[in-house]
Amino acid sequence: MLISFILLFLFYLSLLYKDIVLTVSIESLTLWSSIIFPTMFFSFIITDLISKSDLSKYISKKLFKFFRNVFHINYEKSVFIILMSLLVGNPGGSRMVKNALNDSEIDNIEAEYLLKFTSFMSPMFLIIFVSTLFNKISLSIIFIFCHYLSSFVVMYIYHFKYQKREVIQMNKIEKTNYPKEFVGSISKNMVVILNILGVIVIFNVFFAILNELFYFPTNVNIVVSSLLEVLSGTNKLMNVDMSIIMKGLLSSIFLSFGGISIHFQILSINENMKYLSFFIFKIIISAVSGIMFFLMFLLI
């Protein structure tokens, strides 16, 4: 009942502040079409096709022993998911986990484990972001390095709790009908990409209306906005008069956390995910990322 009243109240606010809804929706669509769609859609399709090829099995077999010893993974497919999640960005990693789970290539326990540590911003987005934020290549490299390494540091620490089980080999990959897979991948990924757009619009509109009602100071506005929808929040952070180290530190934390909007996208793909556990690990990973960036910044 309470949720129904909240939804009705939000609907009323959307009518009351229709100009804000229109403006923010257009801004969100622009952000989606200029950054998210071109960086994610193509990479989603490519990873779909690679996952159906012999290459995924070859890579997984070659690196499985190393990943099993370091991270205690139990499925060969997990190697491919971890490596490709570095390239596709959110929510691509969670989408690969879901596909592998549906194809019985991993089990629910392994899926929960992987979801905690395969949530990254896409390399293309990070490169664009750091090229705007920093004027030094060294700082850009450190920023990207911290974003990825923080998850693996926490994963390595957690692996002592995550027990090894019987090794599960990948099933033999059947001959792939690439034209069919290509067209099917386009259809599936258009739905995912459009869902991402919807979530971004809703979160940005919701925050804009809240800001209109309560008027958050600039610093609070950036923090809350970044925690809700990280792309919009970090975009605001770029335009604030602040030292480079503070911008880098906050950006490192916010991008590693991902924002509630991205969490919802991941949750919509993996509906059985234990969100509280995921949320706690994202806080830990973002803290580690911020600390690593701060220390490395001081060293240079």
C-alpha atoms as a PDB file:
ATOM      1  CA  MET A   1       0.000   0.000   0.000  1.00  0.00           C
ATOM      2  CA  LEU A   2       2.797   2.418   0.939  1.00  0.00           C
ATOM      3  CA  ILE A   3       4.546   1.828  -2.368  1.00  0.00           C
ATOM      4  CA  SER A   4       1.308   2.595  -4.226  1.00  0.00           C
ATOM      5  CA  PHE A   5       0.970   5.948  -2.451  1.00  0.00           C
ATOM      6  CA  ILE A   6       4.602   6.785  -3.174  1.00  0.00           C
ATOM      7  CA  LEU A   7       4.133   5.983  -6.854  1.00  0.00           C
ATOM      8  CA  LEU A   8       0.975   8.102  -7.014  1.00  0.00           C
ATOM      9  CA  PHE A   9       2.833  10.959  -5.322  1.00  0.00           C
ATOM     10  CA  LEU A  10       5.681  10.700  -7.837  1.00  0.00           C
ATOM     11  CA  PHE A  11       3.174  10.687 -10.688  1.00  0.00           C
ATOM     12  CA  TYR A  12       1.586  13.845  -9.270  1.00  0.00           C
ATOM     13  CA  LEU A  13       5.012  15.500  -9.022  1.00  0.00           C
ATOM     14  CA  SER A  14       5.768  14.588 -12.642  1.00  0.00           C
ATOM     15  CA  LEU A  15       2.605  16.416 -13.705  1.00  0.00           C
ATOM     16  CA  LEU A  16       3.337  19.377 -11.456  1.00  0.00           C
ATOM     17  CA  TYR A  17       6.901  19.721 -12.764  1.00  0.00           C
ATOM     18  CA  LYS A  18       6.268  18.706 -16.362  1.00  0.00           C
ATOM     19  CA  ASP A  19       8.819  21.202 -17.703  1.00  0.00           C
ATOM     20  CA  ILE A  20      11.564  19.635 -15.583  1.00  0.00           C
ATOM     21  CA  VAL A  21      10.496  16.164 -16.705  1.00  0.00           C
ATOM     22  CA  LEU A  22      10.710  17.214 -20.355  1.00  0.00           C
ATOM     23  CA  THR A  23      14.065  18.983 -20.025  1.00  0.00           C
ATOM     24  CA  VAL A  24      15.760  16.252 -17.982  1.00  0.00           C
ATOM     25  CA  SER A  25      14.367  13.503 -20.222  1.00  0.00           C
ATOM     26  CA  ILE A  26      15.880  15.194 -23.290  1.00  0.00           C
ATOM     27  CA  GLU A  27      19.219  15.645 -21.470  1.00  0.00           C
ATOM     28  CA  SER A  28      19.208  11.976 -20.444  1.00  0.00           C
ATOM     29  CA  LEU A  29      18.391  10.894 -23.994  1.00  0.00           C
ATOM     30  CA  THR A  30      21.285  13.003 -25.279  1.00  0.00           C
ATOM     31  CA  LEU A  31      23.657  11.435 -22.740  1.00  0.00           C
ATOM     32  CA  TRP A  32      22.427   7.959 -23.664  1.00  0.00           C
ATOM     33  CA  SER A  33      22.698   8.493 -27.424  1.00  0.00           C
ATOM     34  CA  SER A  34      26.116  10.170 -27.327  1.00  0.00           C
ATOM     35  CA  ILE A  35      27.919   7.968 -24.772  1.00  0.00           C
ATOM     36  CA  ILE A  36      26.033   4.873 -23.647  1.00  0.00           C
ATOM     37  CA  PHE A  37      24.538   3.580 -26.887  1.00  0.00           C
ATOM     38  CA  PRO A  38      27.673   3.846 -29.058  1.00  0.00           C
ATOM     39  CA  THR A  39      30.001   2.442 -26.378  1.00  0.00           C
ATOM     40  CA  MET A  40      27.800  -0.429 -25.174  1.00  0.00           C
ATOM     41  CA  PHE A  41      25.622  -1.685 -28.008  1.00  0.00           C
ATOM     42  CA  PHE A  42      28.460  -2.662 -30.332  1.00  0.00           C
ATOM     43  CA  SER A  43      30.494  -4.278 -27.538  1.00  0.00           C
ATOM     44  CA  PHE A  44      27.443  -6.283 -26.358  1.00  0.00           C
ATOM     45  CA  ILE A  45      26.990  -7.786 -29.814  1.00  0.00           C
ATOM     46  CA  ILE A  46      30.689  -8.588 -30.238  1.00  0.00           C
ATOM     47  CA  THR A  47      30.893 -10.339 -26.851  1.00  0.00           C
ATOM     48  CA  ASP A  48      27.754 -12.330 -27.691  1.00  0.00           C
ATOM     49  CA  LEU A  49      29.381 -13.632 -30.863  1.00  0.00           C
ATOM     50  CA  ILE A  50      32.751 -14.308 -29.193  1.00  0.00           C
ATOM     51  CA  SER A  51      31.049 -16.244 -26.393  1.00  0.00           C
ATOM     52  CA  LYS A  52      29.608 -18.602 -29.032  1.00  0.00           C
ATOM     53  CA  SER A  53      32.996 -19.224 -30.631  1.00  0.00           C
ATOM     54  CA  ASP A  54      35.836 -21.620 -29.880  1.00  0.00           C
ATOM     55  CA  LEU A  55      37.932 -18.629 -28.798  1.00  0.00           C
ATOM     56  CA  SER A  56      36.032 -18.286 -25.505  1.00  0.00           C
ATOM     57  CA  LYS A  57      36.640 -21.936 -24.685  1.00  0.00           C
ATOM     58  CA  TYR A  58      40.314 -21.701 -25.653  1.00  0.00           C
ATOM     59  CA  ILE A  59      40.934 -18.623 -23.470  1.00  0.00           C
ATOM     60  CA  SER A  60      39.050 -20.126 -20.542  1.00  0.00           C
ATOM     61  CA  LYS A  61      40.980 -23.402 -20.670  1.00  0.00           C
ATOM     62  CA  LYS A  62      44.370 -21.716 -20.916  1.00  0.00           C
ATOM     63  CA  LEU A  63      43.795 -19.328 -17.996  1.00  0.00           C
ATOM     64  CA  PHE A  64      41.510 -21.408 -15.787  1.00  0.00           C
ATOM     65  CA  LYS A  65      44.240 -22.845 -13.545  1.00  0.00           C
ATOM     66  CA  PHE A  66      45.605 -19.372 -12.749  1.00  0.00           C
ATOM     67  CA  PHE A  67      42.167 -17.864 -12.054  1.00  0.00           C
ATOM     68  CA  ARG A  68      41.137 -20.871  -9.965  1.00  0.00           C
ATOM     69  CA  ASN A  69      44.217 -20.609  -7.766  1.00  0.00           C
ATOM     70  CA  VAL A  70      43.960 -16.837  -7.338  1.00  0.00           C
ATOM     71  CA  PHE A  71      40.166 -16.344  -7.135  1.00  0.00           C
ATOM     72  CA  HIS A  72      38.810 -19.862  -6.420  1.00  0.00           C
ATOM     73  CA  ILE A  73      36.456 -19.878  -9.404  1.00  0.00           C
ATOM     74  CA  ASN A  74      34.887 -23.250 -10.168  1.00  0.00           C
ATOM     75  CA  TYR A  75      33.836 -22.964 -13.823  1.00  0.00           C
ATOM     76  CA  GLU A  76      35.918 -22.416 -16.922  1.00  0.00           C
ATOM     77  CA  LYS A  77      33.254 -20.030 -18.244  1.00  0.00           C
ATOM     78  CA  SER A  78      33.956 -17.732 -15.297  1.00  0.00           C
ATOM     79  CA  VAL A  79      37.369 -16.885 -16.766  1.00  0.00           C
ATOM     80  CA  PHE A  80      35.779 -15.581 -19.958  1.00  0.00           C
ATOM     81  CA  ILE A  81      33.161 -13.602 -18.031  1.00  0.00           C
ATOM     82  CA  ILE A  82      35.758 -11.917 -15.819  1.00  0.00           C
ATOM     83  CA  LEU A  83      37.989 -10.946 -18.743  1.00  0.00           C
ATOM     84  CA  MET A  84      35.197  -9.724 -21.016  1.00  0.00           C
ATOM     85  CA  SER A  85      33.524  -7.743 -18.214  1.00  0.00           C
ATOM     86  CA  LEU A  86      36.604  -5.497 -18.292  1.00  0.00           C
ATOM     87  CA  LEU A  87      35.792  -4.586 -21.885  1.00  0.00           C
ATOM     88  CA  VAL A  88      32.016  -4.297 -22.117  1.00  0.00           C
ATOM     89  CA  GLY A  89      31.190  -2.095 -19.098  1.00  0.00           C
ATOM     90  CA  ASN A  90      28.030  -2.009 -16.981  1.00  0.00           C
ATOM     91  CA  PRO A  91      25.730  -3.871 -17.121  1.00  0.00           C
ATOM     92  CA  GLY A  92      27.558  -6.080 -19.633  1.00  0.00           C
ATOM     93  CA  GLY A  93      29.275  -8.234 -17.019  1.00  0.00           C
ATOM     94  CA  SER A  94      26.017  -9.034 -15.252  1.00  0.00           C
ATOM     95  CA  ARG A  95      24.418  -9.798 -18.599  1.00  0.00           C
ATOM     96  CA  MET A  96      27.139 -12.361 -19.391  1.00  0.00           C
ATOM     97  CA  VAL A  97      26.660 -13.900 -15.946  1.00  0.00           C
ATOM     98  CA  LYS A  98      22.926 -14.231 -16.617  1.00  0.00           C
ATOM     99  CA  ASN A  99      23.495 -15.785 -20.059  1.00  0.00           C
ATOM    100  CA  ALA A 100      25.985 -18.293 -18.640  1.00  0.00           C
ATOM    101  CA  LEU A 101      23.564 -19.168 -15.853  1.00  0.00           C
ATOM    102  CA  ASN A 102      20.724 -19.691 -18.328  1.00  0.00           C
ATOM    103  CA  ASP A 103      22.974 -21.928 -20.444  1.00  0.00           C
ATOM    104  CA  SER A 104      23.970 -23.955 -17.328  1.00  0.00           C
ATOM    105  CA  GLU A 105      27.620 -22.961 -17.789  1.00  0.00           C
ATOM    106  CA  ILE A 106      27.775 -21.725 -14.162  1.00  0.00           C
ATOM    107  CA  ASP A 107      25.556 -22.281 -11.118  1.00  0.00           C
ATOM    108  CA  ASN A 108      23.772 -19.796  -8.826  1.00  0.00           C
ATOM    109  CA  ILE A 109      26.591 -19.725  -6.265  1.00  0.00           C
ATOM    110  CA  GLU A 110      29.182 -18.875  -8.906  1.00  0.00           C
ATOM    111  CA  ALA A 111      26.844 -16.288 -10.431  1.00  0.00           C
ATOM    112  CA  GLU A 112      26.480 -14.461  -7.096  1.00  0.00           C
ATOM    113  CA  TYR A 113      30.243 -14.493  -6.681  1.00  0.00           C
ATOM    114  CA  LEU A 114      30.923 -13.116 -10.161  1.00  0.00           C
ATOM    115  CA  LEU A 115      28.273 -10.395  -9.974  1.00  0.00           C
ATOM    116  CA  LYS A 116      30.104  -8.742  -7.080  1.00  0.00           C
ATOM    117  CA  PHE A 117      33.303  -8.301  -9.070  1.00  0.00           C
ATOM    118  CA  THR A 118      32.385  -7.905 -12.746  1.00  0.00           C
ATOM    119  CA  SER A 119      30.785  -4.469 -12.581  1.00  0.00           C
ATOM    120  CA  PHE A 120      33.007  -1.922 -14.377  1.00  0.00           C
ATOM    121  CA  MET A 121      32.651   1.200 -16.461  1.00  0.00           C
ATOM    122  CA  SER A 122      33.498   0.567 -20.115  1.00  0.00           C
ATOM    123  CA  PRO A 123      37.082   1.348 -21.239  1.00  0.00           C
ATOM    124  CA  MET A 124      35.820   3.713 -23.940  1.00  0.00           C
ATOM    125  CA  PHE A 125      33.850   5.740 -21.394  1.00  0.00           C
ATOM    126  CA  LEU A 126      36.813   5.842 -18.990  1.00  0.00           C
ATOM    127  CA  ILE A 127      39.174   7.007 -21.733  1.00  0.00           C
ATOM    128  CA  ILE A 128      36.789   9.804 -22.736  1.00  0.00           C
ATOM    129  CA  PHE A 129      36.226  10.724 -19.101  1.00  0.00           C
ATOM    130  CA  VAL A 130      39.883  10.877 -18.002  1.00  0.00           C
ATOM    131  CA  SER A 131      40.934  12.757 -21.134  1.00  0.00           C
ATOM    132  CA  THR A 132      38.565  15.522 -20.036  1.00  0.00           C
ATOM    133  CA  LEU A 133      39.402  15.343 -16.335  1.00  0.00           C
ATOM    134  CA  PHE A 134      43.203  15.145 -16.441  1.00  0.00           C
ATOM    135  CA  ASN A 135      45.849  16.835 -18.559  1.00  0.00           C
ATOM    136  CA  LYS A 136      48.473  14.210 -17.681  1.00  0.00           C
ATOM    137  CA  ILE A 137      48.616  10.776 -19.264  1.00  0.00           C
ATOM    138  CA  SER A 138      50.106   9.341 -16.074  1.00  0.00           C
ATOM    139  CA  LEU A 139      47.079  10.423 -14.017  1.00  0.00           C
ATOM    140  CA  SER A 140      44.704   8.981 -16.599  1.00  0.00           C
ATOM    141  CA  ILE A 141      46.498   5.616 -16.507  1.00  0.00           C
ATOM    142  CA  ILE A 142      46.472   5.577 -12.698  1.00  0.00           C
ATOM    143  CA  PHE A 143      42.745   6.389 -12.614  1.00  0.00           C
ATOM    144  CA  ILE A 144      41.809   3.569 -15.003  1.00  0.00           C
ATOM    145  CA  PHE A 145      44.215   1.184 -13.267  1.00  0.00           C
ATOM    146  CA  CYS A 146      42.613   1.855  -9.861  1.00  0.00           C
ATOM    147  CA  HIS A 147      39.104   1.396 -11.259  1.00  0.00           C
ATOM    148  CA  TYR A 148      39.847  -2.123 -12.448  1.00  0.00           C
ATOM    149  CA  LEU A 149      42.373  -3.266  -9.866  1.00  0.00           C
ATOM    150  CA  SER A 150      40.185  -2.366  -6.857  1.00  0.00           C
ATOM    151  CA  SER A 151      37.669  -5.085  -7.760  1.00  0.00           C
ATOM    152  CA  PHE A 152      40.382  -7.700  -8.151  1.00  0.00           C
ATOM    153  CA  VAL A 153      41.999  -6.725  -4.840  1.00  0.00           C
ATOM    154  CA  VAL A 154      38.694  -7.195  -3.002  1.00  0.00           C
ATOM    155  CA  MET A 155      37.974 -10.369  -4.996  1.00  0.00           C
ATOM    156  CA  TYR A 156      41.352 -11.806  -3.996  1.00  0.00           C
ATOM    157  CA  ILE A 157      40.724 -11.050  -0.311  1.00  0.00           C
ATOM    158  CA  TYR A 158      37.230 -12.537  -0.472  1.00  0.00           C
ATOM    159  CA  HIS A 159      38.389 -15.689  -2.270  1.00  0.00           C
ATOM    160  CA  PHE A 160      39.675 -17.080   1.046  1.00  0.00           C
ATOM    161  CA  LYS A 161      36.020 -17.328   2.105  1.00  0.00           C
ATOM    162  CA  TYR A 162      34.752 -18.557  -1.268  1.00  0.00           C
ATOM    163  CA  GLN A 163      35.474 -22.285  -1.291  1.00  0.00           C
ATOM    164  CA  LYS A 164      36.800 -24.260  -4.228  1.00  0.00           C
ATOM    165  CA  ARG A 165      34.467 -26.953  -5.452  1.00  0.00           C
ATOM    166  CA  GLU A 166      34.652 -29.654  -8.087  1.00  0.00           C
ATOM    167  CA  VAL A 167      35.961 -28.244 -11.354  1.00  0.00           C
ATOM    168  CA  ILE A 168      33.254 -27.912 -13.973  1.00  0.00           C
ATOM    169  CA  GLN A 169      34.437 -28.055 -17.568  1.00  0.00           C
ATOM    170  CA  MET A 170      32.786 -26.048 -20.333  1.00  0.00           C
ATOM    171  CA  ASN A 171      30.478 -27.946 -22.615  1.00  0.00           C
ATOM    172  CA  LYS A 172      31.678 -28.433 -26.157  1.00  0.00           C
ATOM    173  CA  ILE A 173      30.560 -25.441 -28.187  1.00  0.00           C
ATOM    174  CA  GLU A 174      28.374 -26.452 -31.092  1.00  0.00           C
ATOM    175  CA  LYS A 175      28.883 -25.007 -34.536  1.00  0.00           C
ATOM    176  CA  THR A 176      27.590 -21.452 -34.483  1.00  0.00           C
ATOM    177  CA  ASN A 177      25.172 -20.028 -37.021  1.00  0.00           C
ATOM    178  CA  TYR A 178      26.663 -16.525 -36.961  1.00  0.00           C
ATOM    179  CA  PRO A 179      24.016 -14.734 -39.103  1.00  0.00           C
ATOM    180  CA  LYS A 180      21.292 -16.082 -36.805  1.00  0.00           C
ATOM    181  CA  GLU A 181      23.268 -15.239 -33.661  1.00  0.00           C
ATOM    182  CA  PHE A 182      24.037 -11.764 -35.006  1.00  0.00           C
ATOM    183  CA  VAL A 183      20.405 -10.871 -35.670  1.00  0.00           C
ATOM    184  CA  GLY A 184      19.291 -12.428 -32.374  1.00  0.00           C
ATOM    185  CA  SER A 185      21.953 -10.489 -30.486  1.00  0.00           C
ATOM    186  CA  ILE A 186      20.761  -7.202 -31.988  1.00  0.00           C
ATOM    187  CA  SER A 187      17.192  -7.897 -30.858  1.00  0.00           C
ATOM    188  CA  LYS A 188      18.189  -8.915 -27.321  1.00  0.00           C
ATOM    189  CA  ASN A 189      20.618  -6.061 -26.810  1.00  0.00           C
ATOM    190  CA  MET A 190      18.256  -3.379 -28.098  1.00  0.00           C
ATOM    191  CA  VAL A 191      15.910  -4.355 -25.266  1.00  0.00           C
ATOM    192  CA  VAL A 192      18.768  -4.137 -22.740  1.00  0.00           C
ATOM    193  CA  ILE A 193      19.975  -0.768 -24.074  1.00  0.00           C
ATOM    194  CA  LEU A 194      16.449   0.693 -24.060  1.00  0.00           C
ATOM    195  CA  ASN A 195      15.933  -0.534 -20.484  1.00  0.00           C
ATOM    196  CA  ILE A 196      19.115   1.292 -19.524  1.00  0.00           C
ATOM    197  CA  LEU A 197      17.754   4.474 -21.099  1.00  0.00           C
ATOM    198  CA  GLY A 198      14.498   4.123 -19.163  1.00  0.00           C
ATOM    199  CA  VAL A 199      16.274   3.664 -15.834  1.00  0.00           C
ATOM    200  CA  ILE A 200      18.553   6.666 -16.465  1.00  0.00           C
ATOM    201  CA  VAL A 201      15.610   8.916 -17.363  1.00  0.00           C
ATOM    202  CA  ILE A 202      13.590   7.894 -14.290  1.00  0.00           C
ATOM    203  CA  PHE A 203      16.491   8.424 -11.873  1.00  0.00           C
ATOM    204  CA  ASN A 204      17.524  11.766 -13.377  1.00  0.00           C
ATOM    205  CA  VAL A 205      13.952  13.074 -13.415  1.00  0.00           C
ATOM    206  CA  PHE A 206      13.385  11.913  -9.845  1.00  0.00           C
ATOM    207  CA  PHE A 207      16.532  13.650  -8.620  1.00  0.00           C
ATOM    208  CA  ALA A 208      15.796  16.856 -10.564  1.00  0.00           C
ATOM    209  CA  ILE A 209      12.348  17.088  -8.940  1.00  0.00           C
ATOM    210  CA  LEU A 210      13.854  16.439  -5.494  1.00  0.00           C
ATOM    211  CA  ASN A 211      16.388  19.183  -6.120  1.00  0.00           C
ATOM    212  CA  GLU A 212      13.592  21.533  -7.134  1.00  0.00           C
ATOM    213  CA  LEU A 213      11.665  20.763  -3.941  1.00  0.00           C
ATOM    214  CA  PHE A 214      14.555  20.941  -1.469  1.00  0.00           C
ATOM    215  CA  TYR A 215      17.369  22.652  -3.400  1.00  0.00           C
ATOM    216  CA  PHE A 216      20.570  20.820  -2.560  1.00  0.00           C
ATOM    217  CA  PRO A 217      23.807  22.864  -2.315  1.00  0.00           C
ATOM    218  CA  THR A 218      26.194  22.249  -5.213  1.00  0.00           C
ATOM    219  CA  ASN A 219      28.433  19.771  -3.381  1.00  0.00           C
ATOM    220  CA  VAL A 220      25.479  17.821  -1.982  1.00  0.00           C
ATOM    221  CA  ASN A 221      23.842  17.898  -5.405  1.00  0.00           C
ATOM    222  CA  ILE A 222      26.909  16.281  -6.995  1.00  0.00           C
ATOM    223  CA  VAL A 223      27.226  13.582  -4.330  1.00  0.00           C
ATOM    224  CA  VAL A 224      23.540  12.608  -4.341  1.00  0.00           C
ATOM    225  CA  SER A 225      23.335  12.783  -8.133  1.00  0.00           C
ATOM    226  CA  SER A 226      26.433  10.581  -8.509  1.00  0.00           C
ATOM    227  CA  LEU A 227      25.135   8.013  -6.042  1.00  0.00           C
ATOM    228  CA  LEU A 228      21.825   7.822  -7.907  1.00  0.00           C
ATOM    229  CA  GLU A 229      22.946   8.139 -11.555  1.00  0.00           C
ATOM    230  CA  VAL A 230      26.730   8.149 -11.847  1.00  0.00           C
ATOM    231  CA  LEU A 231      27.077   9.432 -15.427  1.00  0.00           C
ATOM    232  CA  SER A 232      25.066  12.585 -14.759  1.00  0.00           C
ATOM    233  CA  GLY A 233      26.706  13.097 -11.356  1.00  0.00           C
ATOM    234  CA  THR A 234      30.283  12.828 -12.609  1.00  0.00           C
ATOM    235  CA  ASN A 235      29.385  15.073 -15.544  1.00  0.00           C
ATOM    236  CA  LYS A 236      28.384  17.765 -13.017  1.00  0.00           C
ATOM    237  CA  LEU A 237      31.588  17.140 -11.068  1.00  0.00           C
ATOM    238  CA  MET A 238      33.659  18.007 -14.159  1.00  0.00           C
ATOM    239  CA  ASN A 239      32.265  21.554 -14.173  1.00  0.00           C
ATOM    240  CA  VAL A 240      32.878  22.352 -10.486  1.00  0.00           C
ATOM    241  CA  ASP A 241      35.796  24.485  -9.313  1.00  0.00           C
ATOM    242  CA  MET A 242      37.717  21.864  -7.340  1.00  0.00           C
ATOM    243  CA  SER A 243      41.280  20.568  -7.135  1.00  0.00           C
ATOM    244  CA  ILE A 244      42.287  17.794  -9.533  1.00  0.00           C
ATOM    245  CA  ILE A 245      43.035  15.366  -6.714  1.00  0.00           C
ATOM    246  CA  MET A 246      39.559  15.849  -5.209  1.00  0.00           C
ATOM    247  CA  LYS A 247      37.868  15.478  -8.583  1.00  0.00           C
ATOM    248  CA  GLY A 248      39.885  12.350  -9.265  1.00  0.00           C
ATOM    249  CA  LEU A 249      39.253  10.907  -5.802  1.00  0.00           C
ATOM    250  CA  LEU A 250      35.488  11.489  -5.900  1.00  0.00           C
ATOM    251  CA  SER A 251      35.217  10.293  -9.498  1.00  0.00           C
ATOM    252  CA  SER A 252      37.150   7.132  -8.636  1.00  0.00           C
ATOM    253  CA  ILE A 253      34.778   6.398  -5.749  1.00  0.00           C
ATOM    254  CA  PHE A 254      31.576   7.205  -7.632  1.00  0.00           C
ATOM    255  CA  LEU A 255      32.491   5.296 -10.810  1.00  0.00           C
ATOM    256  CA  SER A 256      33.571   2.218  -8.847  1.00  0.00           C
ATOM    257  CA  PHE A 257      30.324   2.315  -6.864  1.00  0.00           C
ATOM    258  CA  GLY A 258      28.373   2.616 -10.105  1.00  0.00           C
ATOM    259  CA  GLY A 259      25.305   4.426  -8.840  1.00  0.00           C
ATOM    260  CA  ILE A 260      21.907   3.035  -7.834  1.00  0.00           C
ATOM    261  CA  SER A 261      20.734   3.418 -11.431  1.00  0.00           C
ATOM    262  CA  ILE A 262      23.324   0.889 -12.648  1.00  0.00           C
ATOM    263  CA  HIS A 263      22.538  -1.347  -9.675  1.00  0.00           C
ATOM    264  CA  PHE A 264      18.901  -1.403 -10.795  1.00  0.00           C
ATOM    265  CA  GLN A 265      19.981  -2.276 -14.330  1.00  0.00           C
ATOM    266  CA  ILE A 266      22.021  -5.202 -13.003  1.00  0.00           C
ATOM    267  CA  LEU A 267      19.171  -6.263 -10.726  1.00  0.00           C
ATOM    268  CA  SER A 268      16.696  -6.162 -13.616  1.00  0.00           C
ATOM    269  CA  ILE A 269      18.923  -8.592 -15.553  1.00  0.00           C
ATOM    270  CA  ASN A 270      19.701 -10.827 -12.555  1.00  0.00           C
ATOM    271  CA  GLU A 271      16.409 -10.718 -10.669  1.00  0.00           C
ATOM    272  CA  ASN A 272      17.491 -13.329  -8.102  1.00  0.00           C
ATOM    273  CA  MET A 273      20.645 -11.465  -7.129  1.00  0.00           C
ATOM    274  CA  LYS A 274      21.181 -10.816  -3.405  1.00  0.00           C
ATOM    275  CA  TYR A 275      21.273  -7.048  -3.642  1.00  0.00           C
ATOM    276  CA  LEU A 276      22.349  -6.222  -0.085  1.00  0.00           C
ATOM    277  CA  SER A 277      25.501  -8.310  -0.436  1.00  0.00           C
ATOM    278  CA  PHE A 278      26.207  -6.742  -3.842  1.00  0.00           C
ATOM    279  CA  PHE A 279      25.646  -3.243  -2.415  1.00  0.00           C
ATOM    280  CA  ILE A 280      28.065  -3.815   0.481  1.00  0.00           C
ATOM    281  CA  PHE A 281      30.780  -5.099  -1.837  1.00  0.00           C
ATOM    282  CA  LYS A 282      30.350  -2.097  -4.153  1.00  0.00           C
ATOM    283  CA  ILE A 283      30.901   0.219  -1.171  1.00  0.00           C
ATOM    284  CA  ILE A 284      34.061  -1.685  -0.221  1.00  0.00           C
ATOM    285  CA  ILE A 285      35.363  -1.687  -3.807  1.00  0.00           C
ATOM    286  CA  SER A 286      34.694   2.044  -4.245  1.00  0.00           C
ATOM    287  CA  ALA A 287      36.531   2.804  -0.988  1.00  0.00           C
ATOM    288  CA  VAL A 288      39.524   0.706  -2.095  1.00  0.00           C
ATOM    289  CA  SER A 289      39.523   2.438  -5.495  1.00  0.00           C
ATOM    290  CA  GLY A 290      39.515   5.883  -3.866  1.00  0.00           C
ATOM    291  CA  ILE A 291      42.320   4.996  -1.446  1.00  0.00           C
ATOM    292  CA  MET A 292      44.440   3.509  -4.237  1.00  0.00           C
ATOM    293  CA  PHE A 293      44.001   6.586  -6.428  1.00  0.00           C
ATOM    294  CA  PHE A 294      44.812   8.963  -3.567  1.00  0.00           C
ATOM    295  CA  LEU A 295      48.008   7.103  -2.616  1.00  0.00           C
ATOM    296  CA  MET A 296      49.211   6.755  -6.211  1.00  0.00           C
ATOM    297  CA  PHE A 297      48.445  10.435  -6.873  1.00  0.00           C
ATOM    298  CA  LEU A 298      50.674  11.412  -3.934  1.00  0.00           C
ATOM    299  CA  LEU A 299      53.490   9.212  -5.248  1.00  0.00           C
ATOM    300  CA  ILE A 300      53.654  11.054  -8.557  1.00  0.00           C
END
